[in-house]
Amino acid sequence: MAAASIEYLGRKQRVLRPRGKVLGSGWWPSDLEKQTCCEKTPYPKGLNSWVKLKHCCTGVHVANLHKCDEREMKRLGRQIEKSGVILRRDHYTLLWQLRKHKSTVSLDNLIEIIHLWERESSIEKLMDMSGKTRQLAVELVRAGMEQADALASALALE
């Protein structure tokens, strides 16, 4: 559900793009992206050449793609948005790394990790960090400190 919510928000904010390509008169989803809901969208042509791309960014499509409940996915997405998280393209990679880590992550922990994670950071380091230390680092980031400096400061204070 977290992956679906992050992907939905990313597509909604145009940070993440659906898999597909421009063919002939418009954009078409790839075989991995295509769902039954895509068949209901009109044929891309003329001014409507991006209709399938737009559809692949909707909640219905992303919920079908991840085989989850659309309402629940959007609810979780709203909670993530309210936290002030700014999504980047590599956050989707972060989710797959978290899944690989095979530990359950609460919504609060996920939001904290998204606030703190940057390309150079180790997921294991963030996952193993105590909740209080991670919260302190998030507060420092929200106060304007760079992520790496906030992590170092929080760990030093621990």
C-alpha atoms as a PDB file:
ATOM      1  CA  MET A   1       0.000   0.000   0.000  1.00  0.00           C
ATOM      2  CA  ALA A   2       2.865   2.389   0.791  1.00  0.00           C
ATOM      3  CA  ALA A   3       4.430   1.739  -2.616  1.00  0.00           C
ATOM      4  CA  ALA A   4       1.100   2.397  -4.330  1.00  0.00           C
ATOM      5  CA  SER A   5       0.585   5.633  -2.370  1.00  0.00           C
ATOM      6  CA  ILE A   6       4.082   6.911  -3.108  1.00  0.00           C
ATOM      7  CA  GLU A   7       3.727   5.991  -6.782  1.00  0.00           C
ATOM      8  CA  TYR A   8       0.306   7.681  -6.983  1.00  0.00           C
ATOM      9  CA  LEU A   9       1.619  10.871  -5.355  1.00  0.00           C
ATOM     10  CA  GLY A  10       4.706  10.829  -7.551  1.00  0.00           C
ATOM     11  CA  ARG A  11       2.632  10.497 -10.710  1.00  0.00           C
ATOM     12  CA  LYS A  12       0.175  13.132  -9.503  1.00  0.00           C
ATOM     13  CA  GLN A  13       3.063  15.536  -8.858  1.00  0.00           C
ATOM     14  CA  ARG A  14       4.703  14.535 -12.179  1.00  0.00           C
ATOM     15  CA  VAL A  15       7.838  13.291 -10.446  1.00  0.00           C
ATOM     16  CA  LEU A  16       7.290   9.662 -11.477  1.00  0.00           C
ATOM     17  CA  ARG A  17       6.207   8.648 -14.958  1.00  0.00           C
ATOM     18  CA  PRO A  18       4.249   5.598 -16.055  1.00  0.00           C
ATOM     19  CA  ARG A  19       6.067   3.045 -18.202  1.00  0.00           C
ATOM     20  CA  GLY A  20       5.249   3.514 -21.876  1.00  0.00           C
ATOM     21  CA  LYS A  21       6.290   5.272 -25.075  1.00  0.00           C
ATOM     22  CA  VAL A  22       5.122   7.495 -27.868  1.00  0.00           C
ATOM     23  CA  LEU A  23       3.943   5.466 -30.837  1.00  0.00           C
ATOM     24  CA  GLY A  24       2.302   6.944 -33.923  1.00  0.00           C
ATOM     25  CA  SER A  25      -0.251   9.516 -32.838  1.00  0.00           C
ATOM     26  CA  GLY A  26       0.141   9.323 -29.062  1.00  0.00           C
ATOM     27  CA  TRP A  27       1.507   7.800 -25.862  1.00  0.00           C
ATOM     28  CA  TRP A  28       0.817   4.136 -25.089  1.00  0.00           C
ATOM     29  CA  PRO A  29       1.424   2.171 -21.856  1.00  0.00           C
ATOM     30  CA  SER A  30       3.936  -0.681 -21.886  1.00  0.00           C
ATOM     31  CA  ASP A  31       2.826  -4.263 -21.274  1.00  0.00           C
ATOM     32  CA  LEU A  32       3.935  -3.977 -17.625  1.00  0.00           C
ATOM     33  CA  GLU A  33       1.841  -0.819 -17.179  1.00  0.00           C
ATOM     34  CA  LYS A  34      -1.291  -1.872 -19.062  1.00  0.00           C
ATOM     35  CA  GLN A  35      -4.361  -2.707 -16.945  1.00  0.00           C
ATOM     36  CA  THR A  36      -7.990  -3.469 -17.776  1.00  0.00           C
ATOM     37  CA  CYS A  37      -8.957   0.110 -16.900  1.00  0.00           C
ATOM     38  CA  CYS A  38      -6.749   1.372 -19.772  1.00  0.00           C
ATOM     39  CA  GLU A  39      -9.073  -0.200 -22.356  1.00  0.00           C
ATOM     40  CA  LYS A  40     -11.829   2.261 -21.422  1.00  0.00           C
ATOM     41  CA  THR A  41      -9.755   5.318 -22.379  1.00  0.00           C
ATOM     42  CA  PRO A  42     -10.133   6.656 -25.917  1.00  0.00           C
ATOM     43  CA  TYR A  43      -7.649   6.157 -28.737  1.00  0.00           C
ATOM     44  CA  PRO A  44      -4.872   8.816 -28.577  1.00  0.00           C
ATOM     45  CA  LYS A  45      -5.146  11.222 -31.524  1.00  0.00           C
ATOM     46  CA  GLY A  46      -5.027  14.933 -32.275  1.00  0.00           C
ATOM     47  CA  LEU A  47      -5.280  17.130 -29.191  1.00  0.00           C
ATOM     48  CA  ASN A  48      -5.995  14.019 -27.141  1.00  0.00           C
ATOM     49  CA  SER A  49      -2.639  12.326 -27.827  1.00  0.00           C
ATOM     50  CA  TRP A  50      -1.702  12.095 -24.121  1.00  0.00           C
ATOM     51  CA  VAL A  51      -5.015  10.642 -22.902  1.00  0.00           C
ATOM     52  CA  LYS A  52      -3.506   7.248 -22.000  1.00  0.00           C
ATOM     53  CA  LEU A  53      -0.576   8.888 -20.176  1.00  0.00           C
ATOM     54  CA  LYS A  54      -3.006  11.010 -18.131  1.00  0.00           C
ATOM     55  CA  HIS A  55      -5.075   7.937 -17.349  1.00  0.00           C
ATOM     56  CA  CYS A  56      -2.017   6.011 -16.129  1.00  0.00           C
ATOM     57  CA  CYS A  57      -1.485   8.744 -13.510  1.00  0.00           C
ATOM     58  CA  THR A  58      -4.970   8.364 -11.986  1.00  0.00           C
ATOM     59  CA  GLY A  59      -5.737   6.703  -8.679  1.00  0.00           C
ATOM     60  CA  VAL A  60      -7.856   4.020 -10.357  1.00  0.00           C
ATOM     61  CA  HIS A  61      -4.977   2.949 -12.583  1.00  0.00           C
ATOM     62  CA  VAL A  62      -2.302   2.966  -9.863  1.00  0.00           C
ATOM     63  CA  ALA A  63      -4.605   1.011  -7.504  1.00  0.00           C
ATOM     64  CA  ASN A  64      -5.197  -1.566 -10.261  1.00  0.00           C
ATOM     65  CA  LEU A  65      -1.466  -1.700 -10.964  1.00  0.00           C
ATOM     66  CA  HIS A  66      -0.673  -2.481  -7.311  1.00  0.00           C
ATOM     67  CA  LYS A  67      -3.824  -4.539  -6.755  1.00  0.00           C
ATOM     68  CA  CYS A  68      -4.953  -2.509  -3.761  1.00  0.00           C
ATOM     69  CA  ASP A  69      -7.951  -0.479  -2.618  1.00  0.00           C
ATOM     70  CA  GLU A  70      -8.010   2.965  -4.258  1.00  0.00           C
ATOM     71  CA  ARG A  71      -9.659   4.728  -1.292  1.00  0.00           C
ATOM     72  CA  GLU A  72      -7.147   3.331   1.184  1.00  0.00           C
ATOM     73  CA  MET A  73      -4.264   4.193  -1.156  1.00  0.00           C
ATOM     74  CA  LYS A  74      -5.456   7.803  -1.511  1.00  0.00           C
ATOM     75  CA  ARG A  75      -6.043   8.118   2.253  1.00  0.00           C
ATOM     76  CA  LEU A  76      -2.493   7.021   2.941  1.00  0.00           C
ATOM     77  CA  GLY A  77      -1.303   9.391   0.185  1.00  0.00           C
ATOM     78  CA  ARG A  78      -3.065  12.332   1.868  1.00  0.00           C
ATOM     79  CA  GLN A  79      -1.347  11.490   5.170  1.00  0.00           C
ATOM     80  CA  ILE A  80       2.019  11.448   3.413  1.00  0.00           C
ATOM     81  CA  GLU A  81       1.253  14.778   1.683  1.00  0.00           C
ATOM     82  CA  LYS A  82       0.198  16.399   4.989  1.00  0.00           C
ATOM     83  CA  SER A  83       3.569  15.479   6.475  1.00  0.00           C
ATOM     84  CA  GLY A  84       5.253  17.920   4.081  1.00  0.00           C
ATOM     85  CA  VAL A  85       7.291  15.277   2.266  1.00  0.00           C
ATOM     86  CA  ILE A  86       8.610  16.453  -1.083  1.00  0.00           C
ATOM     87  CA  LEU A  87       8.894  13.485  -3.402  1.00  0.00           C
ATOM     88  CA  ARG A  88      11.817  12.899  -5.731  1.00  0.00           C
ATOM     89  CA  ARG A  89      12.147  10.351  -8.503  1.00  0.00           C
ATOM     90  CA  ASP A  90      14.514   8.215  -6.408  1.00  0.00           C
ATOM     91  CA  HIS A  91      11.975   7.811  -3.580  1.00  0.00           C
ATOM     92  CA  TYR A  92      10.372   5.014  -5.557  1.00  0.00           C
ATOM     93  CA  THR A  93      13.739   3.249  -5.452  1.00  0.00           C
ATOM     94  CA  LEU A  94      13.761   3.836  -1.697  1.00  0.00           C
ATOM     95  CA  LEU A  95      10.484   1.955  -1.351  1.00  0.00           C
ATOM     96  CA  TRP A  96      11.841  -1.062  -3.185  1.00  0.00           C
ATOM     97  CA  GLN A  97      14.925  -1.015  -0.951  1.00  0.00           C
ATOM     98  CA  LEU A  98      12.694  -0.867   2.127  1.00  0.00           C
ATOM     99  CA  ARG A  99      10.730  -3.866   0.844  1.00  0.00           C
ATOM    100  CA  LYS A 100      13.984  -5.728   0.294  1.00  0.00           C
ATOM    101  CA  HIS A 101      14.935  -4.949   3.898  1.00  0.00           C
ATOM    102  CA  LYS A 102      11.909  -7.087   4.910  1.00  0.00           C
ATOM    103  CA  SER A 103      10.967  -5.141   7.986  1.00  0.00           C
ATOM    104  CA  THR A 104       7.596  -3.596   8.671  1.00  0.00           C
ATOM    105  CA  VAL A 105       7.639   0.169   8.530  1.00  0.00           C
ATOM    106  CA  SER A 106       4.938   2.325  10.066  1.00  0.00           C
ATOM    107  CA  LEU A 107       3.656   5.364   8.188  1.00  0.00           C
ATOM    108  CA  ASP A 108       5.444   7.677  10.632  1.00  0.00           C
ATOM    109  CA  ASN A 109       8.730   5.817  10.165  1.00  0.00           C
ATOM    110  CA  LEU A 110       8.289   5.887   6.380  1.00  0.00           C
ATOM    111  CA  ILE A 111       7.718   9.651   6.415  1.00  0.00           C
ATOM    112  CA  GLU A 112      10.758  10.163   8.659  1.00  0.00           C
ATOM    113  CA  ILE A 113      12.915   8.019   6.390  1.00  0.00           C
ATOM    114  CA  ILE A 114      11.739   9.930   3.287  1.00  0.00           C
ATOM    115  CA  HIS A 115      12.585  13.211   5.028  1.00  0.00           C
ATOM    116  CA  LEU A 116      16.081  11.963   5.890  1.00  0.00           C
ATOM    117  CA  TRP A 117      17.015   9.743   2.962  1.00  0.00           C
ATOM    118  CA  GLU A 118      19.300  11.075   0.300  1.00  0.00           C
ATOM    119  CA  ARG A 119      21.231   9.260  -2.391  1.00  0.00           C
ATOM    120  CA  GLU A 120      24.316   8.736  -0.250  1.00  0.00           C
ATOM    121  CA  SER A 121      22.464   7.590   2.884  1.00  0.00           C
ATOM    122  CA  SER A 122      22.259   3.956   3.853  1.00  0.00           C
ATOM    123  CA  ILE A 123      18.751   2.588   4.319  1.00  0.00           C
ATOM    124  CA  GLU A 124      20.029   0.154   6.940  1.00  0.00           C
ATOM    125  CA  LYS A 125      21.477   3.041   8.930  1.00  0.00           C
ATOM    126  CA  LEU A 126      18.123   4.850   8.913  1.00  0.00           C
ATOM    127  CA  MET A 127      16.160   1.691   9.717  1.00  0.00           C
ATOM    128  CA  ASP A 128      18.423   0.752  12.636  1.00  0.00           C
ATOM    129  CA  MET A 129      18.414   4.259  14.099  1.00  0.00           C
ATOM    130  CA  SER A 130      16.314   4.668  17.258  1.00  0.00           C
ATOM    131  CA  GLY A 131      12.983   6.432  16.880  1.00  0.00           C
ATOM    132  CA  LYS A 132      14.026   9.386  19.051  1.00  0.00           C
ATOM    133  CA  THR A 133      17.224   9.935  17.078  1.00  0.00           C
ATOM    134  CA  ARG A 134      15.351   9.759  13.773  1.00  0.00           C
ATOM    135  CA  GLN A 135      12.705  12.211  15.043  1.00  0.00           C
ATOM    136  CA  LEU A 136      15.405  14.651  16.133  1.00  0.00           C
ATOM    137  CA  ALA A 137      17.067  14.408  12.721  1.00  0.00           C
ATOM    138  CA  VAL A 138      13.697  15.066  11.014  1.00  0.00           C
ATOM    139  CA  GLU A 139      13.132  18.149  13.194  1.00  0.00           C
ATOM    140  CA  LEU A 140      16.585  19.438  12.231  1.00  0.00           C
ATOM    141  CA  VAL A 141      15.796  18.892   8.532  1.00  0.00           C
ATOM    142  CA  ARG A 142      12.473  20.715   8.924  1.00  0.00           C
ATOM    143  CA  ALA A 143      14.360  23.573  10.596  1.00  0.00           C
ATOM    144  CA  GLY A 144      16.454  23.936   7.435  1.00  0.00           C
ATOM    145  CA  MET A 145      19.519  21.780   8.077  1.00  0.00           C
ATOM    146  CA  GLU A 146      20.891  19.567   5.292  1.00  0.00           C
ATOM    147  CA  GLN A 147      20.008  15.873   5.665  1.00  0.00           C
ATOM    148  CA  ALA A 148      23.588  14.662   6.091  1.00  0.00           C
ATOM    149  CA  ASP A 149      24.288  17.303   8.767  1.00  0.00           C
ATOM    150  CA  ALA A 150      21.002  16.544  10.553  1.00  0.00           C
ATOM    151  CA  LEU A 151      21.814  12.829  10.658  1.00  0.00           C
ATOM    152  CA  ALA A 152      25.328  13.467  11.952  1.00  0.00           C
ATOM    153  CA  SER A 153      24.064  15.893  14.614  1.00  0.00           C
ATOM    154  CA  ALA A 154      21.279  13.556  15.782  1.00  0.00           C
ATOM    155  CA  LEU A 155      23.683  10.617  15.989  1.00  0.00           C
ATOM    156  CA  ALA A 156      26.220  12.726  17.898  1.00  0.00           C
ATOM    157  CA  LEU A 157      23.562  13.785  20.403  1.00  0.00           C
ATOM    158  CA  GLU A 158      22.476  10.159  20.839  1.00  0.00           C
END
